[in-house]
Protein backbone atom coordinates (compact mmCIF):
# COMPACT_ATOMS: atom_id res chain seq x y z
CA UNK A 1 0.00 0.00 0.00
CA UNK A 2 1.21 3.53 -0.75
CA UNK A 3 3.09 5.08 2.18
CA UNK A 4 0.95 8.22 2.09
CA UNK A 5 -2.26 6.22 2.50
CA UNK A 6 -0.77 4.35 5.46
CA UNK A 7 0.32 7.63 7.04
CA UNK A 8 -3.20 9.03 6.63
CA UNK A 9 -4.60 5.91 8.30
CA UNK A 10 -2.18 6.36 11.19
CA UNK A 11 -3.13 10.02 11.61
CA UNK A 12 -6.82 9.09 11.59
CA UNK A 13 -6.54 6.36 14.21
CA UNK A 14 -4.15 8.49 16.26
CA UNK A 15 -6.84 11.15 16.50
CA UNK A 16 -9.37 8.43 17.39
CA UNK A 17 -7.04 7.37 20.19
CA UNK A 18 -6.75 11.01 21.30
CA UNK A 19 -10.55 11.22 21.32
CA UNK A 20 -10.86 8.06 23.45
CA UNK A 21 -8.13 9.44 25.71
CA UNK A 22 -10.30 12.52 26.22
CA UNK A 23 -13.48 10.76 27.31
CA UNK A 24 -11.48 8.07 29.11
CA UNK A 25 -9.58 10.59 31.21
CA UNK A 26 -12.24 13.23 31.88
CA UNK A 27 -12.51 11.63 35.31
CA UNK A 28 -8.92 12.63 36.05
CA UNK A 29 -9.90 16.26 36.30
CA UNK A 30 -13.57 16.43 37.14
CA UNK A 31 -14.70 13.29 38.98
CA UNK A 32 -14.21 14.64 42.49
CA UNK A 33 -15.78 18.03 41.68
CA UNK A 34 -18.84 16.32 40.21
CA UNK A 35 -19.03 13.88 43.15
CA UNK A 36 -19.01 16.68 45.74
CA UNK A 37 -21.42 18.87 43.79
CA UNK A 38 -18.84 21.63 43.34
CA UNK A 39 -19.56 21.59 39.60
CA UNK A 40 -22.55 20.39 37.62
CA UNK A 41 -21.59 17.51 35.29
CA UNK A 42 -22.14 19.36 31.99
CA UNK A 43 -20.35 22.47 33.25
CA UNK A 44 -17.45 20.32 34.47
CA UNK A 45 -16.83 18.60 31.13
CA UNK A 46 -17.13 21.89 29.25
CA UNK A 47 -14.48 23.56 31.42
CA UNK A 48 -12.29 20.46 31.17
CA UNK A 49 -12.56 20.37 27.37
CA UNK A 50 -11.58 24.03 26.95
CA UNK A 51 -8.59 23.73 29.28
CA UNK A 52 -7.43 20.44 27.74
CA UNK A 53 -7.29 22.27 24.41
CA UNK A 54 -5.38 25.17 25.95
CA UNK A 55 -2.95 22.82 27.69
CA UNK A 56 -2.04 21.17 24.39
CA UNK A 57 -0.27 24.37 23.32
CA UNK A 58 1.77 24.92 26.48
CA UNK A 59 4.54 22.34 26.05
CA UNK A 60 5.92 19.74 23.64
CA UNK A 61 8.43 17.98 25.90
CA UNK A 62 6.32 14.83 26.29
CA UNK A 63 5.71 14.69 22.53
CA UNK A 64 9.47 14.79 21.94
CA UNK A 65 9.98 11.94 24.42
CA UNK A 66 7.64 9.75 22.36
CA UNK A 67 8.76 10.82 18.88
CA UNK A 68 12.47 10.79 19.60
CA UNK A 69 13.13 8.66 22.66
CA UNK A 70 11.20 5.42 22.98
CA UNK A 71 11.78 4.12 19.44
CA UNK A 72 15.42 3.73 18.40
CA UNK A 73 16.84 4.99 15.15
CA UNK A 74 18.58 2.49 12.91
CA UNK A 75 21.03 3.03 10.06
CA UNK A 76 18.24 4.20 7.76
CA UNK A 77 16.25 6.17 10.31
CA UNK A 78 13.69 4.91 12.81
CA UNK A 79 13.25 1.14 12.71
CA UNK A 80 9.48 1.26 13.14
CA UNK A 81 7.24 1.78 10.09
CA UNK A 82 3.92 3.63 9.77
CA UNK A 83 2.16 0.27 9.50
CA UNK A 84 3.62 -0.82 12.84
CA UNK A 85 2.58 2.46 14.45
CA UNK A 86 -0.93 1.94 13.10
CA UNK A 87 -1.00 -1.53 14.65
CA UNK A 88 0.23 -0.17 17.99
CA UNK A 89 -2.55 2.42 18.01
CA UNK A 90 -5.11 -0.30 17.34
CA UNK A 91 -3.94 -2.05 20.50
CA UNK A 92 -4.16 1.18 22.50
CA UNK A 93 -7.63 2.15 21.26
CA UNK A 94 -9.14 -1.29 21.86
CA UNK A 95 -7.74 -1.45 25.39
CA UNK A 96 -9.09 2.04 26.12
CA UNK A 97 -12.55 0.98 24.96
CA UNK A 98 -12.38 -2.22 27.01
CA UNK A 99 -11.54 -0.44 30.25
CA UNK A 100 -14.00 2.38 29.52
CA UNK A 101 -16.82 -0.17 29.18
CA UNK A 102 -15.76 -1.80 32.47
CA UNK A 103 -15.52 1.61 34.18
CA UNK A 104 -11.86 1.07 35.06
CA UNK A 105 -9.61 4.15 35.20
CA UNK A 106 -6.74 2.48 33.37
CA UNK A 107 -3.82 4.31 31.83
CA UNK A 108 -4.27 5.54 28.26
CA UNK A 109 -0.57 6.35 28.37
CA UNK A 110 0.47 2.78 29.09
CA UNK A 111 -2.02 1.47 26.56
CA UNK A 112 -0.34 3.65 23.94
CA UNK A 113 3.18 2.65 24.94
CA UNK A 114 2.23 -1.00 25.21
CA UNK A 115 0.70 -1.02 21.74
CA UNK A 116 3.71 0.72 20.20
CA UNK A 117 6.24 -1.49 21.98
CA UNK A 118 4.41 -4.70 21.01
CA UNK A 119 4.13 -3.61 17.38
CA UNK A 120 7.79 -2.51 17.25
CA UNK A 121 9.05 -5.79 18.72
CA UNK A 122 7.01 -7.93 16.32
CA UNK A 123 7.77 -5.76 13.31
CA UNK A 124 11.40 -4.78 13.86
CA UNK A 125 12.75 -6.74 16.82
CA UNK A 126 13.69 -5.84 20.38
CA UNK A 127 16.42 -3.46 19.22
CA UNK A 128 13.74 -1.09 17.87
CA UNK A 129 12.73 -0.14 21.42
CA UNK A 130 14.89 2.01 23.70
CA UNK A 131 14.15 0.20 26.94
CA UNK A 132 16.36 2.57 28.95
CA UNK A 133 14.06 5.47 28.06
CA UNK A 134 10.99 3.32 28.71
CA UNK A 135 12.35 2.53 32.18
CA UNK A 136 13.40 6.07 33.12
CA UNK A 137 10.58 8.07 31.53
CA UNK A 138 7.65 5.63 31.72
CA UNK A 139 8.03 2.77 34.21
CA UNK A 140 9.65 4.62 37.12
CA UNK A 141 7.23 7.60 36.89
CA UNK A 142 4.37 5.08 36.73
CA UNK A 143 5.47 3.52 40.01
CA UNK A 144 6.27 6.75 41.85
CA UNK A 145 3.62 9.21 40.64
CA UNK A 146 0.55 7.60 42.32
CA UNK A 147 2.50 7.27 45.56
CA UNK A 148 3.69 10.89 45.44
CA UNK A 149 0.24 12.28 44.56
CA UNK A 150 -1.45 10.02 47.13
CA UNK A 151 0.96 11.01 49.90
CA UNK A 152 0.55 14.72 49.18
CA UNK A 153 -3.25 14.35 49.06
CA UNK A 154 -3.27 12.42 52.35
CA UNK A 155 -1.26 15.10 54.16
CA UNK A 156 -3.25 17.92 52.54
CA UNK A 157 -6.59 16.32 53.46
CA UNK A 158 -5.53 15.74 57.07
CA UNK A 159 -4.32 19.33 57.32
CA UNK A 160 -7.51 20.70 55.76
CA UNK A 161 -9.73 18.93 58.30
CA UNK A 162 -7.50 19.91 61.20
CA UNK A 163 -7.40 23.56 60.17
CA UNK A 164 -11.15 23.77 59.66
CA UNK A 165 -12.00 21.59 62.70
CA UNK A 166 -13.19 18.65 60.62
CA UNK A 167 -14.84 21.05 58.14
CA UNK A 168 -18.00 21.31 60.28
CA UNK A 169 -18.32 25.00 59.66
CA UNK A 170 -20.65 25.71 56.78
CA UNK A 171 -18.40 28.39 55.39
CA UNK A 172 -15.36 26.12 55.13
CA UNK A 173 -17.25 23.51 53.10
CA UNK A 174 -18.47 26.19 50.69
CA UNK A 175 -14.97 27.60 50.43
CA UNK A 176 -13.52 24.22 49.50
CA UNK A 177 -16.19 23.77 46.83
CA UNK A 178 -15.21 27.07 45.25
CA UNK A 179 -11.58 26.03 45.55
CA UNK A 180 -12.38 22.81 43.69
CA UNK A 181 -13.43 24.81 40.65
CA UNK A 182 -9.91 26.21 40.45
CA UNK A 183 -8.07 22.99 41.33
CA UNK A 184 -10.12 20.86 38.90
CA UNK A 185 -9.48 23.40 36.16
CA UNK A 186 -5.77 23.20 36.88
CA UNK A 187 -5.87 19.41 36.53
CA UNK A 188 -7.56 19.77 33.13
CA UNK A 189 -4.90 22.21 31.99
CA UNK A 190 -2.18 19.87 33.23
CA UNK A 191 -3.85 16.93 31.49
CA UNK A 192 -3.69 18.79 28.19
CA UNK A 193 0.02 19.47 28.65
CA UNK A 194 0.71 15.76 29.11
CA UNK A 195 -1.84 13.51 27.41
CA UNK A 196 -2.57 15.50 24.24
CA UNK A 197 1.15 15.50 23.54
CA UNK A 198 1.38 11.72 23.47
CA UNK A 199 -0.69 11.61 20.31
CA UNK A 200 1.31 14.51 18.89
CA UNK A 201 4.42 12.44 19.47
CA UNK A 202 2.94 9.41 17.72
CA UNK A 203 1.93 11.40 14.63
CA UNK A 204 5.34 13.09 14.57
CA UNK A 205 7.02 9.68 14.86
CA UNK A 206 4.95 8.48 11.91
CA UNK A 207 5.93 11.46 9.76
CA UNK A 208 9.60 10.87 10.64
CA UNK A 209 9.34 7.14 9.87
CA UNK A 210 7.72 7.89 6.51
CA UNK A 211 10.37 10.45 5.61
CA UNK A 212 8.02 13.46 5.72
CA UNK A 213 9.79 15.09 8.67
CA UNK A 214 13.38 15.24 9.95
CA UNK A 215 14.39 13.06 12.89
CA UNK A 216 14.67 14.91 16.17
CA UNK A 217 12.17 17.62 15.25
CA UNK A 218 9.06 18.47 17.25
CA UNK A 219 5.38 18.30 16.29
CA UNK A 220 4.15 20.59 13.53
CA UNK A 221 1.49 23.21 14.27
CA UNK A 222 -1.31 21.35 12.47
CA UNK A 223 -0.51 18.28 14.57
CA UNK A 224 -0.78 20.29 17.80
CA UNK A 225 -4.11 21.81 16.75
CA UNK A 226 -5.59 18.49 15.59
CA UNK A 227 -4.61 16.64 18.75
CA UNK A 228 -5.82 19.45 21.00
CA UNK A 229 -9.22 19.51 19.32
CA UNK A 230 -9.57 15.71 19.37
CA UNK A 231 -8.86 15.35 23.08
CA UNK A 232 -11.07 18.35 23.87
CA UNK A 233 -14.01 16.83 21.97
CA UNK A 234 -13.59 13.50 23.74
CA UNK A 235 -13.41 15.30 27.07
CA UNK A 236 -16.61 17.23 26.41
CA UNK A 237 -18.56 14.04 25.72
CA UNK A 238 -17.58 12.89 29.19
CA UNK A 239 -16.28 9.53 30.38
CA UNK A 240 -19.16 9.07 32.77
CA UNK A 241 -18.46 5.40 33.53
CA UNK A 242 -14.94 6.07 34.72
CA UNK A 243 -15.98 9.32 36.39
CA UNK A 244 -18.38 7.32 38.55
CA UNK A 245 -15.59 4.95 39.62
CA UNK A 246 -13.09 7.67 40.52
CA UNK A 247 -15.58 10.07 42.10
CA UNK A 248 -17.83 7.67 44.01
CA UNK A 249 -16.65 4.07 44.05
CA UNK A 250 -13.12 4.46 45.48
CA UNK A 251 -14.26 6.49 48.49
CA UNK A 252 -17.05 8.91 49.37
CA UNK A 253 -15.32 12.19 48.53
CA UNK A 254 -16.11 15.43 50.38
CA UNK A 255 -15.07 18.89 49.22
CA UNK A 256 -11.85 19.23 51.30
CA UNK A 257 -10.73 15.83 50.03
CA UNK A 258 -11.59 16.72 46.45
CA UNK A 259 -9.63 19.96 46.66
CA UNK A 260 -6.61 18.15 48.11
CA UNK A 261 -6.73 15.36 45.51
CA UNK A 262 -7.06 17.75 42.58
CA UNK A 263 -4.31 20.08 43.77
CA UNK A 264 -1.81 17.27 44.36
CA UNK A 265 -2.68 15.70 40.98
CA UNK A 266 -2.20 18.95 39.09
CA UNK A 267 1.15 19.64 40.72
CA UNK A 268 2.44 16.14 39.97
CA UNK A 269 1.30 16.22 36.33
CA UNK A 270 2.68 19.70 35.61
CA UNK A 271 6.10 18.88 37.03
CA UNK A 272 6.24 15.65 35.03
CA UNK A 273 5.21 17.42 31.83
CA UNK A 274 7.99 19.95 32.32
CA UNK A 275 10.51 17.12 32.76
CA UNK A 276 9.20 15.22 29.73
CA UNK A 277 7.88 12.27 31.74
CA UNK A 278 4.94 10.67 29.94
CA UNK A 279 3.22 9.52 33.10
CA UNK A 280 -0.30 8.25 33.52
CA UNK A 281 -2.61 11.04 34.65
CA UNK A 282 -5.14 8.33 35.52
CA UNK A 283 -2.77 6.71 38.00
CA UNK A 284 -1.88 10.08 39.49
CA UNK A 285 -5.52 11.04 40.02
CA UNK A 286 -6.59 7.65 41.36
CA UNK A 287 -3.65 7.62 43.77
CA UNK A 288 -4.57 11.11 44.95
CA UNK A 289 -8.19 10.06 45.56
CA UNK A 290 -7.04 7.08 47.64
CA UNK A 291 -4.72 9.37 49.62
CA UNK A 292 -7.55 11.84 50.17
CA UNK A 293 -9.74 9.00 51.42
CA UNK A 294 -7.09 7.90 53.90
CA UNK A 295 -6.55 11.46 55.07
CA UNK A 296 -10.11 11.88 56.42
CA UNK A 297 -10.91 10.29 59.75
CA UNK A 298 -13.49 7.50 59.56
CA UNK A 299 -13.57 7.67 55.75
CA UNK A 300 -14.04 4.33 53.99
CA UNK A 301 -11.75 3.35 51.12
CA UNK A 302 -13.24 0.51 49.08
CA UNK A 303 -10.14 -1.62 48.70
CA UNK A 304 -11.86 -4.13 46.44
CA UNK A 305 -12.37 -1.38 43.86
CA UNK A 306 -8.80 -0.16 44.38
CA UNK A 307 -7.56 -3.72 43.81
CA UNK A 308 -9.45 -3.97 40.52
CA UNK A 309 -8.00 -0.66 39.40
CA UNK A 310 -4.45 -1.70 40.37
CA UNK A 311 -4.85 -4.98 38.49
CA UNK A 312 -5.91 -3.02 35.43
CA UNK A 313 -2.78 -0.89 35.75
CA UNK A 314 -0.56 -3.98 35.81
CA UNK A 315 -2.29 -5.61 32.86
CA UNK A 316 -2.61 -2.54 30.62
CA UNK A 317 0.85 -2.36 29.08
CA UNK A 318 1.29 -6.10 28.33
CA UNK A 319 -2.32 -6.46 27.13
CA UNK A 320 -2.01 -3.53 24.71
CA UNK A 321 1.40 -4.83 23.64
CA UNK A 322 -0.11 -8.22 22.83
CA UNK A 323 -2.90 -6.72 20.73
CA UNK A 324 -0.49 -4.29 19.07
CA UNK A 325 1.92 -7.11 18.27
CA UNK A 326 -0.80 -9.30 16.77
CA UNK A 327 -2.10 -6.36 14.75
CA UNK A 328 1.43 -5.61 13.51
CA UNK A 329 1.93 -9.22 12.49
CA UNK A 330 -1.31 -9.26 10.50
CA UNK A 331 -1.03 -5.75 9.02
CA UNK A 332 2.57 -6.21 7.88
CA UNK A 333 1.84 -9.30 5.82
CA UNK A 334 -0.04 -7.56 3.01
CA UNK A 335 -2.62 -4.94 2.14
CA UNK A 336 -5.31 -7.54 2.83
CA UNK A 337 -3.89 -8.07 6.30
CA UNK A 338 -4.03 -4.33 6.99
CA UNK A 339 -7.65 -4.18 5.83
CA UNK A 340 -8.54 -7.12 8.07
CA UNK A 341 -7.03 -5.33 11.07
CA UNK A 342 -9.06 -2.19 10.26
CA UNK A 343 -12.30 -4.15 9.92
CA UNK A 344 -11.76 -6.13 13.13
CA UNK A 345 -10.88 -2.99 15.07
CA UNK A 346 -14.05 -1.26 13.88
CA UNK A 347 -16.14 -4.32 14.74
CA UNK A 348 -14.74 -4.62 18.27
CA UNK A 349 -15.05 -0.88 18.93
CA UNK A 350 -18.65 -0.83 17.72
CA UNK A 351 -19.48 -3.83 19.91
CA UNK A 352 -18.34 -2.01 23.05
CA UNK A 353 -20.45 1.04 22.24
CA UNK A 354 -23.52 -1.14 21.60
CA UNK A 355 -23.02 -3.01 24.88
CA UNK A 356 -22.55 0.26 26.77
CA UNK A 357 -25.90 1.58 25.55
CA UNK A 358 -27.69 -1.29 27.33
CA UNK A 359 -26.56 0.06 30.72
CA UNK A 360 -25.87 3.75 30.09
CA UNK A 361 -24.03 6.01 32.50
CA UNK A 362 -24.50 9.71 31.86
CA UNK A 363 -24.53 13.11 33.56
CA UNK A 364 -27.85 12.27 35.24
CA UNK A 365 -26.81 9.07 37.04
CA UNK A 366 -23.02 9.43 37.31
CA UNK A 367 -23.18 9.76 41.12
CA UNK A 368 -25.57 6.84 41.68
CA UNK A 369 -23.79 4.21 43.79
CA UNK A 370 -24.63 2.48 47.05
CA UNK A 371 -22.69 2.80 50.32
CA UNK A 372 -20.31 0.03 49.33
CA UNK A 373 -19.44 1.77 46.08
CA UNK A 374 -21.38 -0.67 43.90
CA UNK A 375 -23.13 0.50 40.75
CA UNK A 376 -26.96 0.35 40.72
CA UNK A 377 -27.07 -2.32 38.01
CA UNK A 378 -24.80 -4.56 40.04
CA UNK A 379 -26.50 -3.78 43.33
CA UNK A 380 -29.90 -4.86 42.03
CA UNK A 381 -31.28 -1.37 41.41
CA UNK A 382 -32.59 -0.14 38.08
């Protein structure tokens, strides 16, 4: 197949991934504000969408990490081809849709890296991947960031309740709700500086691999605009299933906790974006919510839900790598193989959307859970 057509396919599915990243990760910024009533659901996703778009223009360090760090350059340029990148994105998108349907706040970042790594290994061998960069800029931040954000949120929550005498005063609760508007907005801005750039990096890597752009260069302006708009649109549509999990099923969040979780998440993400660490904003936010839950006396953290989320984190990268590798194997065989991958990906994606419509979660029922954090459908309610 002509290289240009393959590149166009990659750009298209990269923007689809960016879109799924948007509705998958809306919960990162707005779940706690919606859960505490600080922001109405529709207002929350609108603010988040606008600030995700703005954040996409603030930095390109993470994009450069992806386009010029994870995949090695061989004698004739990067060893990975546009077809392999396409296959890696297929793995990332399908994993995002799987975890979205299950309501699991998994890492879109690790889904993307897993898909690309699996496709690169199958298509070009282990030497195509710079595992040193993967370790230093992906794996280590993935292990440390939830712990850092969670610890900061725990201390901040404890301090907030101590300072306001357990937040019994009516004025303090209202003040924290107003504060959440600012802190949630900051998380959305930070999310745009980190997650939108991952797709920019993938498209830039594709252009470099196809010979349309020089190695070592950053994303072009049209790439930045396209990725910013895609993630903003996905954010506006709202990842209500995952928002319910983060906002209500991990712990029953109150305004001081929400403010602490959002502030610690934003700080962690912004520092990582500045350093070029492509961390998982989902892991940061979930870790902060757990820390906020532990920081409030007598608060209940639903460890069964936390365990499911942690299992999803562990499985994400290898699962996406497996799908990406299989897709690379099939797509690299011939044009027919590439078409088969496209058709299967569309079929699987459509299936998840159809299944989700049978038990919809939207802005009207996003906060509906029982005291144990179970969803109404699973608790016997309709």
